[in-house]
Amino acid sequence: MNAAPDTLSFEAALQRLEEIVRVLERGEAPLDQSIDLYQEGDRLKRLCEERLKSAQARIEAIAFGPDGQPSGTVPFDGS
């Protein structure tokens, strides 16, 4: 799978990252390929972290009323 990381869904990026980890843990890849896989894995890890952080921010932006029930959302300030 050589799709650009930013076009992958979170699930696809995580699955590819898991594949990379398995290959690297087995030690079956030559050094140059291991380095390339490590770099790809690092990009995917950062992508997954960004997507999780964004999802968490959206969840935290849900506004709760005085009764503790969701009453709507508030705009997320991503800064």
Protein backbone atom coordinates (compact mmCIF):
# COMPACT_ATOMS: atom_id res chain seq x y z
CA MET A 1 0.00 0.00 0.00
CA ASN A 2 1.66 3.19 -1.19
CA ALA A 3 -1.23 5.63 -1.01
CA ALA A 4 -0.41 9.09 0.25
CA PRO A 5 -0.88 8.96 4.03
CA ASP A 6 -3.17 12.00 4.12
CA THR A 7 -5.63 10.23 1.77
CA LEU A 8 -5.93 7.18 4.03
CA SER A 9 -8.71 6.76 6.53
CA PHE A 10 -7.66 6.47 10.16
CA GLU A 11 -8.41 2.74 10.06
CA ALA A 12 -6.39 2.18 6.87
CA ALA A 13 -3.45 4.19 8.22
CA LEU A 14 -3.52 2.23 11.49
CA GLN A 15 -3.70 -1.08 9.62
CA ARG A 16 -0.70 -0.13 7.45
CA LEU A 17 1.21 0.99 10.54
CA GLU A 18 0.53 -2.38 12.19
CA GLU A 19 1.80 -4.16 9.05
CA ILE A 20 4.99 -2.10 9.13
CA VAL A 21 5.55 -2.88 12.81
CA ARG A 22 5.14 -6.61 12.15
CA VAL A 23 7.68 -6.55 9.30
CA LEU A 24 10.18 -4.54 11.34
CA GLU A 25 9.74 -6.74 14.43
CA ARG A 26 10.41 -9.88 12.40
CA GLY A 27 13.61 -8.32 11.06
CA GLU A 28 12.97 -9.74 7.60
CA ALA A 29 13.50 -6.52 5.62
CA PRO A 30 16.92 -5.43 4.38
CA LEU A 31 18.38 -2.33 6.02
CA ASP A 32 17.38 0.15 3.31
CA GLN A 33 13.82 -1.17 3.23
CA SER A 34 13.69 -1.12 7.03
CA ILE A 35 14.65 2.55 7.02
CA ASP A 36 11.99 3.35 4.42
CA LEU A 37 9.40 1.39 6.39
CA TYR A 38 10.38 3.17 9.61
CA GLN A 39 9.96 6.57 7.92
CA GLU A 40 6.59 5.57 6.48
CA GLY A 41 5.54 4.28 9.90
CA ASP A 42 6.56 7.54 11.53
CA ARG A 43 4.42 9.52 9.05
CA LEU A 44 1.48 7.20 9.66
CA LYS A 45 1.90 7.43 13.44
CA ARG A 46 1.80 11.23 13.27
CA LEU A 47 -1.24 11.11 10.98
CA CYS A 48 -3.10 8.80 13.36
CA GLU A 49 -2.21 11.00 16.34
CA GLU A 50 -3.48 14.11 14.51
CA ARG A 51 -6.74 12.40 13.58
CA LEU A 52 -7.26 11.16 17.14
CA LYS A 53 -6.53 14.62 18.54
CA SER A 54 -9.04 16.13 16.11
CA ALA A 55 -11.69 13.57 17.05
CA GLN A 56 -11.07 14.20 20.74
CA ALA A 57 -11.45 17.94 20.22
CA ARG A 58 -14.76 17.43 18.43
CA ILE A 59 -16.00 15.23 21.26
CA GLU A 60 -14.87 17.72 23.89
CA ALA A 61 -16.70 20.47 22.00
CA ILE A 62 -20.08 18.93 22.81
CA ALA A 63 -21.82 21.36 25.14
CA PHE A 64 -23.68 20.01 28.16
CA GLY A 65 -26.70 21.67 29.72
CA PRO A 66 -27.35 22.13 33.45
CA ASP A 67 -28.99 18.70 33.58
CA GLY A 68 -25.81 17.05 32.28
CA GLN A 69 -27.38 16.17 28.95
CA PRO A 70 -25.81 17.21 25.63
CA SER A 71 -27.35 20.48 24.56
CA GLY A 72 -25.46 21.10 21.33
CA THR A 73 -21.94 21.77 20.26
CA VAL A 74 -19.56 24.66 20.48
CA PRO A 75 -17.21 25.62 17.65
CA PHE A 76 -13.78 24.02 17.93
CA ASP A 77 -10.91 26.49 18.05
CA GLY A 78 -8.05 24.43 16.62
CA SER A 79 -5.33 26.84 17.70
